[in-house]
Amino acid sequence: MLFFKNSGSVQNPGDPIRLPRRLRSDRVDYEGELAVVIGRTCHNVGRREALDFVLGYTCSNDVSARDWQKQGGGGQWCRGKSFATFCPLGPVLVTPDEIPDPNSLRIRTFLNGSMLQDGNTDDMIFDVPTLIEFLSASTVLQPGTVILTGTPSGVGMARKPPVFLQPGDSVTVEIERIGSLTNPVVEEVAEPLPIRVAAG
């Protein structure tokens, strides 16, 4: 299954995940994932050379509003996964020479210090080269394209009872050989974001 996240959903390490309030969601979930960043134009790339197009790897949190993903998005996942701040990335970009095999990395997610996800990228249904081959088929992946590769079991929606993000929470995605990505959780203030204009 393939879906897109709006580039406006990207968030910095340490900056808050904002729970949507202008379009209300009370079912915002975490998904710790390995992120693959494409380094050069990638089109019809075969599996064997796919990793040659990777600039590096980082941690990601595929934050998802399950109500908008499942009911409010008209059958499409994009809205529920593309709210502002719903794609934290970081804390660093690790180059492929330091991670020759991206499908052998432990990945864990912690909510307020409690581990809720614990998996390994070798559990992925499709490995990173296969993902790049599929995504670049008859499609151009531009430099800077970020591929989120899927999450281990333990997401909040699937827990009994379900666990969804609340104001005051802190979420950490930790991936072996990359580091830890931590973001606090706050209520959205339903006002436009300030626009930064470069001087000069």
N, C-alpha and C. Protein backbone atom coordinates (compact mmCIF):
# COMPACT_ATOMS: atom_id res chain seq x y z
N MET A 1 0.85 -1.19 0.00
CA MET A 1 0.00 0.00 0.00
C MET A 1 0.88 1.24 0.00
N LEU A 2 0.52 2.19 -0.81
CA LEU A 2 1.31 3.42 -0.99
C LEU A 2 0.43 4.61 -0.68
N PHE A 3 0.96 5.57 0.09
CA PHE A 3 0.25 6.83 0.32
C PHE A 3 1.28 7.95 0.42
N PHE A 4 0.81 9.18 0.28
CA PHE A 4 1.69 10.35 0.31
C PHE A 4 1.42 11.16 1.57
N LYS A 5 2.49 11.80 2.08
CA LYS A 5 2.36 12.76 3.16
C LYS A 5 2.74 14.13 2.60
N ASN A 6 1.91 15.12 2.87
CA ASN A 6 2.19 16.49 2.47
C ASN A 6 3.54 16.93 3.04
N SER A 7 4.37 17.59 2.23
CA SER A 7 5.68 18.03 2.72
C SER A 7 5.53 19.03 3.87
N GLY A 8 4.37 19.68 3.98
CA GLY A 8 4.12 20.59 5.08
C GLY A 8 3.94 19.90 6.42
N SER A 9 3.94 18.58 6.43
CA SER A 9 3.80 17.84 7.69
C SER A 9 5.14 17.62 8.39
N VAL A 10 6.26 17.95 7.73
CA VAL A 10 7.59 17.70 8.31
C VAL A 10 7.77 18.53 9.58
N GLN A 11 8.35 17.90 10.60
CA GLN A 11 8.63 18.58 11.87
C GLN A 11 10.05 18.28 12.33
N ASN A 12 10.65 19.24 13.03
CA ASN A 12 12.02 19.12 13.53
C ASN A 12 12.11 18.22 14.76
N PRO A 13 13.28 17.64 15.02
CA PRO A 13 13.48 16.96 16.30
C PRO A 13 13.28 17.95 17.44
N GLY A 14 12.58 17.51 18.48
CA GLY A 14 12.39 18.34 19.66
C GLY A 14 11.24 19.30 19.58
N ASP A 15 10.73 19.58 18.38
CA ASP A 15 9.58 20.48 18.24
C ASP A 15 8.28 19.68 18.36
N PRO A 16 7.19 20.34 18.72
CA PRO A 16 5.99 19.59 19.11
C PRO A 16 5.19 19.02 17.95
N ILE A 17 4.60 17.86 18.21
CA ILE A 17 3.52 17.33 17.41
C ILE A 17 2.25 18.03 17.89
N ARG A 18 1.53 18.68 16.97
CA ARG A 18 0.34 19.44 17.36
C ARG A 18 -0.92 18.63 17.02
N LEU A 19 -1.74 18.38 18.02
CA LEU A 19 -2.98 17.65 17.82
C LEU A 19 -3.99 18.54 17.11
N PRO A 20 -4.54 18.11 15.97
CA PRO A 20 -5.44 18.97 15.19
C PRO A 20 -6.67 19.40 15.98
N ARG A 21 -6.96 20.69 15.91
CA ARG A 21 -8.15 21.21 16.58
C ARG A 21 -9.05 21.97 15.61
N ARG A 22 -8.49 22.58 14.57
CA ARG A 22 -9.34 23.21 13.55
C ARG A 22 -10.17 22.14 12.85
N LEU A 23 -9.55 21.05 12.47
CA LEU A 23 -10.24 19.82 12.05
C LEU A 23 -9.98 18.82 13.17
N ARG A 24 -10.93 18.64 14.02
CA ARG A 24 -10.76 17.92 15.28
C ARG A 24 -10.37 16.46 15.06
N SER A 25 -9.36 16.01 15.82
CA SER A 25 -9.03 14.59 15.89
C SER A 25 -8.68 14.23 17.32
N ASP A 26 -9.28 13.16 17.81
CA ASP A 26 -8.99 12.65 19.14
C ASP A 26 -8.35 11.28 19.07
N ARG A 27 -7.90 10.89 17.87
CA ARG A 27 -7.32 9.54 17.68
C ARG A 27 -5.98 9.65 16.95
N VAL A 28 -5.11 10.49 17.49
CA VAL A 28 -3.80 10.69 16.87
C VAL A 28 -2.83 9.64 17.41
N ASP A 29 -2.18 8.96 16.49
CA ASP A 29 -1.36 7.78 16.80
C ASP A 29 0.08 8.01 16.38
N TYR A 30 0.98 7.24 16.95
CA TYR A 30 2.41 7.24 16.63
C TYR A 30 2.73 6.05 15.73
N GLU A 31 3.76 6.18 14.90
CA GLU A 31 4.29 5.05 14.12
C GLU A 31 5.79 5.29 13.92
N GLY A 32 6.63 4.64 14.70
CA GLY A 32 8.06 4.75 14.50
C GLY A 32 8.49 4.03 13.24
N GLU A 33 9.29 4.70 12.40
CA GLU A 33 9.69 4.10 11.12
C GLU A 33 11.10 4.55 10.71
N LEU A 34 11.75 3.70 9.94
CA LEU A 34 12.99 4.08 9.27
C LEU A 34 12.65 4.94 8.07
N ALA A 35 13.33 6.08 7.94
CA ALA A 35 13.14 6.95 6.78
C ALA A 35 14.36 6.86 5.88
N VAL A 36 14.11 6.73 4.59
CA VAL A 36 15.16 6.66 3.56
C VAL A 36 15.09 7.94 2.75
N VAL A 37 16.22 8.65 2.63
CA VAL A 37 16.26 9.89 1.89
C VAL A 37 16.99 9.66 0.56
N ILE A 38 16.32 9.97 -0.54
CA ILE A 38 16.90 9.80 -1.87
C ILE A 38 17.86 10.95 -2.16
N GLY A 39 19.02 10.62 -2.74
CA GLY A 39 20.06 11.61 -2.94
C GLY A 39 20.20 12.14 -4.35
N ARG A 40 19.73 11.41 -5.35
CA ARG A 40 19.80 11.89 -6.73
C ARG A 40 18.60 11.35 -7.51
N THR A 41 18.33 11.97 -8.64
CA THR A 41 17.15 11.62 -9.42
C THR A 41 17.09 10.12 -9.65
N CYS A 42 15.95 9.54 -9.32
CA CYS A 42 15.79 8.09 -9.27
C CYS A 42 14.58 7.71 -10.13
N HIS A 43 14.82 6.99 -11.23
CA HIS A 43 13.75 6.66 -12.17
C HIS A 43 14.02 5.28 -12.77
N ASN A 44 13.06 4.38 -12.65
CA ASN A 44 13.19 3.02 -13.19
C ASN A 44 14.48 2.35 -12.72
N VAL A 45 14.73 2.45 -11.42
CA VAL A 45 15.95 1.89 -10.84
C VAL A 45 15.70 0.43 -10.45
N GLY A 46 16.63 -0.43 -10.78
CA GLY A 46 16.53 -1.83 -10.41
C GLY A 46 16.93 -2.06 -8.97
N ARG A 47 16.52 -3.21 -8.46
CA ARG A 47 16.78 -3.52 -7.06
C ARG A 47 18.28 -3.54 -6.74
N ARG A 48 19.08 -4.06 -7.65
CA ARG A 48 20.51 -4.22 -7.36
C ARG A 48 21.23 -2.91 -7.17
N GLU A 49 20.83 -1.88 -7.90
CA GLU A 49 21.51 -0.58 -7.78
C GLU A 49 20.73 0.42 -6.93
N ALA A 50 19.62 -0.01 -6.33
CA ALA A 50 18.73 0.92 -5.64
C ALA A 50 19.42 1.69 -4.52
N LEU A 51 20.26 1.03 -3.73
CA LEU A 51 20.88 1.69 -2.59
C LEU A 51 21.91 2.73 -3.02
N ASP A 52 22.35 2.69 -4.29
CA ASP A 52 23.27 3.71 -4.80
C ASP A 52 22.61 5.08 -4.88
N PHE A 53 21.29 5.12 -4.82
CA PHE A 53 20.55 6.38 -4.93
C PHE A 53 20.17 6.95 -3.57
N VAL A 54 20.60 6.30 -2.49
CA VAL A 54 20.24 6.73 -1.14
C VAL A 54 21.27 7.72 -0.61
N LEU A 55 20.77 8.87 -0.16
CA LEU A 55 21.63 9.86 0.49
C LEU A 55 21.91 9.48 1.94
N GLY A 56 20.88 8.96 2.61
CA GLY A 56 21.06 8.57 4.01
C GLY A 56 19.78 8.09 4.64
N TYR A 57 19.89 7.80 5.93
CA TYR A 57 18.79 7.24 6.71
C TYR A 57 18.59 8.07 7.98
N THR A 58 17.34 8.14 8.43
CA THR A 58 17.04 8.82 9.68
C THR A 58 15.81 8.20 10.31
N CYS A 59 15.48 8.67 11.52
CA CYS A 59 14.27 8.22 12.21
C CYS A 59 13.08 9.05 11.74
N SER A 60 11.91 8.45 11.76
CA SER A 60 10.69 9.19 11.44
C SER A 60 9.55 8.70 12.32
N ASN A 61 8.57 9.57 12.47
CA ASN A 61 7.35 9.22 13.17
C ASN A 61 6.20 9.54 12.22
N ASP A 62 5.58 8.50 11.70
CA ASP A 62 4.46 8.66 10.76
C ASP A 62 3.19 8.90 11.57
N VAL A 63 3.09 10.08 12.16
CA VAL A 63 1.95 10.43 13.00
C VAL A 63 0.68 10.36 12.15
N SER A 64 -0.37 9.77 12.72
CA SER A 64 -1.57 9.48 11.94
C SER A 64 -2.82 9.75 12.76
N ALA A 65 -3.74 10.57 12.22
CA ALA A 65 -5.04 10.79 12.83
C ALA A 65 -5.96 9.67 12.33
N ARG A 66 -6.18 8.68 13.16
CA ARG A 66 -6.87 7.47 12.69
C ARG A 66 -8.31 7.76 12.27
N ASP A 67 -8.98 8.71 12.94
CA ASP A 67 -10.35 9.02 12.54
C ASP A 67 -10.38 9.62 11.14
N TRP A 68 -9.45 10.52 10.82
CA TRP A 68 -9.39 11.10 9.48
C TRP A 68 -8.82 10.11 8.46
N GLN A 69 -7.99 9.20 8.91
CA GLN A 69 -7.46 8.18 8.00
C GLN A 69 -8.55 7.17 7.62
N LYS A 70 -9.35 6.79 8.60
CA LYS A 70 -10.31 5.70 8.39
C LYS A 70 -11.69 6.19 7.95
N GLN A 71 -12.17 7.29 8.58
CA GLN A 71 -13.53 7.72 8.30
C GLN A 71 -13.60 9.06 7.57
N GLY A 72 -12.75 10.02 7.94
CA GLY A 72 -12.91 11.38 7.45
C GLY A 72 -12.19 11.72 6.17
N GLY A 73 -11.42 10.80 5.63
CA GLY A 73 -10.60 11.13 4.47
C GLY A 73 -11.17 10.69 3.14
N GLY A 74 -12.43 10.30 3.12
CA GLY A 74 -13.03 9.88 1.87
C GLY A 74 -12.39 8.64 1.27
N GLY A 75 -11.87 7.76 2.11
CA GLY A 75 -11.22 6.55 1.63
C GLY A 75 -9.75 6.73 1.30
N GLN A 76 -9.25 7.97 1.42
CA GLN A 76 -7.83 8.24 1.16
C GLN A 76 -7.12 8.53 2.48
N TRP A 77 -5.88 8.06 2.59
CA TRP A 77 -5.14 8.19 3.84
C TRP A 77 -4.42 9.52 3.95
N CYS A 78 -4.27 10.24 2.85
CA CYS A 78 -3.37 11.40 2.83
C CYS A 78 -3.72 12.44 3.88
N ARG A 79 -5.01 12.77 4.03
CA ARG A 79 -5.38 13.84 4.96
C ARG A 79 -5.03 13.47 6.39
N GLY A 80 -5.37 12.26 6.79
CA GLY A 80 -5.13 11.84 8.16
C GLY A 80 -3.68 11.70 8.53
N LYS A 81 -2.80 11.66 7.52
CA LYS A 81 -1.36 11.52 7.76
C LYS A 81 -0.57 12.77 7.40
N SER A 82 -1.26 13.84 7.00
CA SER A 82 -0.57 15.01 6.47
C SER A 82 -0.82 16.30 7.24
N PHE A 83 -1.47 16.21 8.41
CA PHE A 83 -1.64 17.43 9.18
C PHE A 83 -0.28 18.01 9.55
N ALA A 84 -0.24 19.31 9.78
CA ALA A 84 1.02 19.97 10.15
C ALA A 84 1.65 19.28 11.35
N THR A 85 2.96 19.06 11.27
CA THR A 85 3.82 18.44 12.30
C THR A 85 3.70 16.93 12.34
N PHE A 86 2.98 16.31 11.41
CA PHE A 86 2.73 14.87 11.46
C PHE A 86 3.86 14.03 10.85
N CYS A 87 5.01 14.65 10.55
CA CYS A 87 6.15 13.86 10.04
C CYS A 87 7.46 14.33 10.67
N PRO A 88 7.63 14.12 11.98
CA PRO A 88 8.93 14.41 12.58
C PRO A 88 10.03 13.54 11.95
N LEU A 89 11.17 14.18 11.69
CA LEU A 89 12.33 13.49 11.12
C LEU A 89 13.58 13.88 11.90
N GLY A 90 14.54 12.94 12.02
CA GLY A 90 15.80 13.28 12.66
C GLY A 90 16.24 12.17 13.62
N PRO A 91 17.24 12.41 14.47
CA PRO A 91 17.89 13.70 14.71
C PRO A 91 19.05 13.99 13.76
N VAL A 92 19.49 12.96 13.03
CA VAL A 92 20.63 13.12 12.11
C VAL A 92 20.34 12.34 10.85
N LEU A 93 21.12 12.61 9.81
CA LEU A 93 21.06 11.82 8.58
C LEU A 93 22.34 10.99 8.52
N VAL A 94 22.19 9.68 8.56
CA VAL A 94 23.34 8.77 8.59
C VAL A 94 23.57 8.25 7.18
N THR A 95 24.79 8.40 6.67
CA THR A 95 25.10 8.04 5.29
C THR A 95 25.20 6.52 5.12
N PRO A 96 24.99 6.04 3.89
CA PRO A 96 24.96 4.60 3.64
C PRO A 96 26.25 3.87 3.99
N ASP A 97 27.39 4.56 3.96
CA ASP A 97 28.64 3.86 4.32
C ASP A 97 28.63 3.42 5.78
N GLU A 98 27.82 4.08 6.61
CA GLU A 98 27.72 3.70 8.02
C GLU A 98 26.61 2.69 8.27
N ILE A 99 25.69 2.56 7.31
CA ILE A 99 24.61 1.58 7.40
C ILE A 99 24.55 0.83 6.08
N PRO A 100 25.46 -0.12 5.87
CA PRO A 100 25.44 -0.84 4.59
C PRO A 100 24.20 -1.70 4.39
N ASP A 101 23.56 -2.13 5.50
CA ASP A 101 22.35 -2.95 5.39
C ASP A 101 21.24 -2.29 6.21
N PRO A 102 20.35 -1.52 5.56
CA PRO A 102 19.28 -0.86 6.30
C PRO A 102 18.21 -1.83 6.80
N ASN A 103 18.28 -3.08 6.39
CA ASN A 103 17.30 -4.07 6.82
C ASN A 103 17.85 -4.97 7.91
N SER A 104 18.59 -4.33 8.83
CA SER A 104 19.09 -5.05 10.00
C SER A 104 19.27 -4.07 11.16
N LEU A 105 18.19 -3.32 11.47
CA LEU A 105 18.26 -2.28 12.48
C LEU A 105 17.11 -2.43 13.47
N ARG A 106 17.44 -2.44 14.76
CA ARG A 106 16.38 -2.47 15.77
C ARG A 106 15.69 -1.12 15.81
N ILE A 107 14.36 -1.12 15.92
CA ILE A 107 13.57 0.10 15.96
C ILE A 107 12.57 -0.01 17.10
N ARG A 108 12.56 1.04 17.94
CA ARG A 108 11.66 1.04 19.09
C ARG A 108 10.98 2.41 19.21
N THR A 109 9.77 2.41 19.77
CA THR A 109 9.05 3.65 20.03
C THR A 109 8.65 3.66 21.50
N PHE A 110 8.88 4.81 22.13
CA PHE A 110 8.57 5.00 23.54
C PHE A 110 7.56 6.13 23.69
N LEU A 111 6.56 5.92 24.53
CA LEU A 111 5.60 6.96 24.87
C LEU A 111 5.72 7.23 26.36
N ASN A 112 6.16 8.45 26.68
CA ASN A 112 6.38 8.83 28.08
C ASN A 112 7.29 7.83 28.80
N GLY A 113 8.30 7.34 28.08
CA GLY A 113 9.28 6.44 28.66
C GLY A 113 8.93 4.96 28.60
N SER A 114 7.70 4.64 28.26
CA SER A 114 7.28 3.24 28.16
C SER A 114 7.42 2.75 26.73
N MET A 115 8.09 1.62 26.54
CA MET A 115 8.31 1.08 25.20
C MET A 115 7.02 0.43 24.68
N LEU A 116 6.51 0.95 23.56
CA LEU A 116 5.28 0.42 22.97
C LEU A 116 5.52 -0.29 21.64
N GLN A 117 6.64 -0.03 21.00
CA GLN A 117 7.01 -0.74 19.78
C GLN A 117 8.44 -1.24 19.91
N ASP A 118 8.67 -2.47 19.48
CA ASP A 118 10.01 -3.05 19.51
C ASP A 118 10.11 -4.03 18.35
N GLY A 119 10.80 -3.63 17.29
CA GLY A 119 10.91 -4.49 16.12
C GLY A 119 12.27 -4.34 15.47
N ASN A 120 12.38 -4.85 14.27
CA ASN A 120 13.62 -4.78 13.52
C ASN A 120 13.27 -4.59 12.04
N THR A 121 14.08 -3.84 11.34
CA THR A 121 13.78 -3.60 9.93
C THR A 121 13.91 -4.88 9.10
N ASP A 122 14.50 -5.94 9.67
CA ASP A 122 14.52 -7.20 8.91
C ASP A 122 13.14 -7.87 8.89
N ASP A 123 12.18 -7.31 9.66
CA ASP A 123 10.81 -7.82 9.63
C ASP A 123 9.97 -7.18 8.53
N MET A 124 10.53 -6.18 7.81
CA MET A 124 9.76 -5.50 6.78
C MET A 124 9.30 -6.48 5.70
N ILE A 125 8.07 -6.33 5.24
CA ILE A 125 7.54 -7.21 4.19
C ILE A 125 8.35 -7.04 2.91
N PHE A 126 8.70 -5.77 2.57
CA PHE A 126 9.53 -5.48 1.41
C PHE A 126 10.74 -4.70 1.90
N ASP A 127 11.95 -5.16 1.53
CA ASP A 127 13.15 -4.48 2.00
C ASP A 127 13.35 -3.17 1.25
N VAL A 128 14.33 -2.38 1.71
CA VAL A 128 14.53 -1.04 1.15
C VAL A 128 14.81 -1.06 -0.35
N PRO A 129 15.71 -1.92 -0.86
CA PRO A 129 15.91 -1.94 -2.31
C PRO A 129 14.64 -2.23 -3.10
N THR A 130 13.82 -3.13 -2.60
CA THR A 130 12.56 -3.45 -3.29
C THR A 130 11.62 -2.26 -3.28
N LEU A 131 11.56 -1.53 -2.16
CA LEU A 131 10.72 -0.34 -2.09
C LEU A 131 11.15 0.70 -3.11
N ILE A 132 12.46 0.93 -3.21
CA ILE A 132 12.96 1.94 -4.16
C ILE A 132 12.69 1.49 -5.59
N GLU A 133 12.89 0.23 -5.90
CA GLU A 133 12.61 -0.28 -7.23
C GLU A 133 11.14 -0.05 -7.59
N PHE A 134 10.24 -0.38 -6.66
CA PHE A 134 8.80 -0.24 -6.92
C PHE A 134 8.40 1.22 -7.06
N LEU A 135 8.87 2.06 -6.13
CA LEU A 135 8.45 3.46 -6.12
C LEU A 135 9.00 4.26 -7.30
N SER A 136 10.15 3.84 -7.84
CA SER A 136 10.74 4.57 -8.97
C SER A 136 10.29 4.04 -10.32
N ALA A 137 9.50 2.98 -10.33
CA ALA A 137 9.05 2.39 -11.59
C ALA A 137 8.10 3.34 -12.31
N SER A 138 8.50 3.80 -13.49
CA SER A 138 7.72 4.75 -14.29
C SER A 138 7.39 6.02 -13.51
N THR A 139 8.17 6.30 -12.47
CA THR A 139 7.96 7.45 -11.59
C THR A 139 9.32 8.06 -11.27
N VAL A 140 9.39 9.38 -11.20
CA VAL A 140 10.64 10.06 -10.85
C VAL A 140 10.63 10.43 -9.37
N LEU A 141 11.61 9.91 -8.64
CA LEU A 141 11.83 10.32 -7.26
C LEU A 141 12.91 11.39 -7.27
N GLN A 142 12.56 12.60 -6.90
CA GLN A 142 13.51 13.71 -6.93
C GLN A 142 14.45 13.63 -5.72
N PRO A 143 15.65 14.22 -5.85
CA PRO A 143 16.53 14.31 -4.68
C PRO A 143 15.80 14.97 -3.51
N GLY A 144 15.96 14.41 -2.35
CA GLY A 144 15.26 14.91 -1.18
C GLY A 144 13.97 14.17 -0.87
N THR A 145 13.53 13.30 -1.77
CA THR A 145 12.36 12.48 -1.50
C THR A 145 12.61 11.63 -0.26
N VAL A 146 11.63 11.59 0.64
CA VAL A 146 11.74 10.79 1.86
C VAL A 146 10.75 9.63 1.78
N ILE A 147 11.26 8.42 1.96
CA ILE A 147 10.43 7.22 1.95
C ILE A 147 10.33 6.70 3.38
N LEU A 148 9.10 6.67 3.92
CA LEU A 148 8.86 6.04 5.22
C LEU A 148 8.52 4.58 4.96
N THR A 149 9.21 3.68 5.66
CA THR A 149 9.24 2.28 5.22
C THR A 149 8.27 1.34 5.93
N GLY A 150 7.48 1.85 6.87
CA GLY A 150 6.54 0.97 7.57
C GLY A 150 6.90 0.83 9.04
N THR A 151 5.92 0.48 9.84
CA THR A 151 6.10 0.49 11.29
C THR A 151 5.95 -0.90 11.89
N PRO A 152 6.64 -1.18 13.01
CA PRO A 152 6.44 -2.45 13.70
C PRO A 152 5.08 -2.53 14.37
N SER A 153 4.76 -3.69 14.90
CA SER A 153 3.53 -3.84 15.66
C SER A 153 3.60 -3.00 16.93
N GLY A 154 2.44 -2.70 17.50
CA GLY A 154 2.40 -1.96 18.75
C GLY A 154 1.86 -0.56 18.63
N VAL A 155 1.32 -0.19 17.45
CA VAL A 155 0.74 1.15 17.32
C VAL A 155 -0.45 1.29 18.27
N GLY A 156 -0.76 2.54 18.62
CA GLY A 156 -1.79 2.78 19.62
C GLY A 156 -3.17 2.29 19.23
N MET A 157 -3.51 2.41 17.95
CA MET A 157 -4.82 1.99 17.48
C MET A 157 -5.09 0.52 17.73
N ALA A 158 -4.03 -0.31 17.67
CA ALA A 158 -4.20 -1.76 17.77
C ALA A 158 -4.12 -2.27 19.21
N ARG A 159 -3.81 -1.39 20.15
CA ARG A 159 -3.66 -1.83 21.53
C ARG A 159 -5.03 -1.95 22.18
N LYS A 160 -5.11 -2.73 23.24
CA LYS A 160 -6.37 -2.94 23.97
C LYS A 160 -6.15 -2.57 25.42
N PRO A 161 -6.72 -1.44 25.87
CA PRO A 161 -7.48 -0.46 25.10
C PRO A 161 -6.56 0.37 24.22
N PRO A 162 -7.11 1.07 23.22
CA PRO A 162 -6.28 1.89 22.34
C PRO A 162 -5.55 2.99 23.13
N VAL A 163 -4.39 3.37 22.61
CA VAL A 163 -3.58 4.44 23.21
C VAL A 163 -3.38 5.51 22.16
N PHE A 164 -3.89 6.71 22.41
CA PHE A 164 -3.71 7.81 21.48
C PHE A 164 -2.97 8.95 22.17
N LEU A 165 -2.32 9.79 21.37
CA LEU A 165 -1.49 10.85 21.91
C LEU A 165 -2.34 11.92 22.58
N GLN A 166 -1.81 12.44 23.72
CA GLN A 166 -2.49 13.45 24.51
C GLN A 166 -1.55 14.62 24.76
N PRO A 167 -2.08 15.82 24.96
CA PRO A 167 -1.22 16.95 25.31
C PRO A 167 -0.38 16.61 26.54
N GLY A 168 0.90 16.96 26.47
CA GLY A 168 1.82 16.65 27.56
C GLY A 168 2.61 15.38 27.36
N ASP A 169 2.21 14.55 26.40
CA ASP A 169 2.96 13.33 26.10
C ASP A 169 4.30 13.66 25.45
N SER A 170 5.19 12.67 25.46
CA SER A 170 6.47 12.75 24.75
C SER A 170 6.69 11.43 24.02
N VAL A 171 6.99 11.53 22.72
CA VAL A 171 7.18 10.33 21.89
C VAL A 171 8.62 10.28 21.41
N THR A 172 9.24 9.11 21.56
CA THR A 172 10.62 8.91 21.10
C THR A 172 10.67 7.72 20.16
N VAL A 173 11.24 7.94 18.98
CA VAL A 173 11.53 6.84 18.05
C VAL A 173 13.04 6.63 18.07
N GLU A 174 13.44 5.41 18.35
CA GLU A 174 14.86 5.08 18.48
C GLU A 174 15.23 4.00 17.47
N ILE A 175 16.23 4.28 16.64
CA ILE A 175 16.68 3.29 15.66
C ILE A 175 18.17 3.07 15.84
N GLU A 176 18.53 1.80 15.91
CA GLU A 176 19.92 1.39 16.06
C GLU A 176 20.80 2.05 15.00
N ARG A 177 21.94 2.57 15.41
CA ARG A 177 22.96 3.18 14.56
C ARG A 177 22.55 4.55 14.01
N ILE A 178 21.36 5.02 14.39
CA ILE A 178 20.93 6.36 13.96
C ILE A 178 20.77 7.28 15.16
N GLY A 179 19.98 6.86 16.16
CA GLY A 179 19.78 7.70 17.33
C GLY A 179 18.33 7.76 17.72
N SER A 180 17.96 8.81 18.46
CA SER A 180 16.61 8.95 19.01
C SER A 180 15.98 10.27 18.55
N LEU A 181 14.76 10.16 18.10
CA LEU A 181 13.96 11.31 17.69
C LEU A 181 12.85 11.50 18.72
N THR A 182 12.87 12.63 19.42
CA THR A 182 11.89 12.88 20.47
C THR A 182 11.10 14.14 20.17
N ASN A 183 9.78 14.05 20.34
CA ASN A 183 8.89 15.19 20.14
C ASN A 183 7.84 15.23 21.23
N PRO A 184 7.62 16.40 21.84
CA PRO A 184 6.50 16.54 22.77
C PRO A 184 5.18 16.65 21.99
N VAL A 185 4.09 16.53 22.70
CA VAL A 185 2.76 16.60 22.09
C VAL A 185 2.00 17.76 22.73
N VAL A 186 1.41 18.62 21.89
CA VAL A 186 0.66 19.78 22.39
C VAL A 186 -0.65 19.90 21.61
N GLU A 187 -1.56 20.73 22.13
CA GLU A 187 -2.78 21.09 21.41
C GLU A 187 -2.43 22.08 20.30
N GLU A 188 -3.05 21.93 19.14
CA GLU A 188 -2.91 22.92 18.10
C GLU A 188 -3.64 24.19 18.49
N VAL A 189 -3.01 25.32 18.23
CA VAL A 189 -3.70 26.60 18.31
C VAL A 189 -4.23 26.88 16.91
N ALA A 190 -5.51 26.98 16.76
CA ALA A 190 -6.12 27.03 15.42
C ALA A 190 -5.96 28.41 14.79
N GLU A 191 -4.71 28.81 14.63
CA GLU A 191 -4.38 30.06 13.96
C GLU A 191 -3.32 29.76 12.91
N PRO A 192 -3.20 30.59 11.88
CA PRO A 192 -2.17 30.36 10.86
C PRO A 192 -0.77 30.37 11.46
N LEU A 193 0.10 29.53 10.93
CA LEU A 193 1.49 29.53 11.36
C LEU A 193 2.16 30.82 10.91
N PRO A 194 3.11 31.34 11.68
CA PRO A 194 3.84 32.52 11.23
C PRO A 194 4.65 32.20 9.99
N ILE A 195 4.69 33.11 9.05
CA ILE A 195 5.45 32.94 7.81
C ILE A 195 6.79 33.64 7.95
N ARG A 196 7.85 32.90 7.75
CA ARG A 196 9.19 33.47 7.88
C ARG A 196 9.65 33.98 6.51
N VAL A 197 10.03 35.22 6.44
CA VAL A 197 10.49 35.82 5.21
C VAL A 197 11.98 36.11 5.33
N ALA A 198 12.77 35.64 4.37
CA ALA A 198 14.21 35.85 4.42
C ALA A 198 14.53 37.33 4.25
N ALA A 199 15.48 37.80 5.04
CA ALA A 199 15.90 39.20 4.96
C ALA A 199 16.64 39.45 3.67
N GLY A 200 16.58 40.70 3.18
CA GLY A 200 17.34 41.08 2.00
C GLY A 200 16.58 40.91 0.73
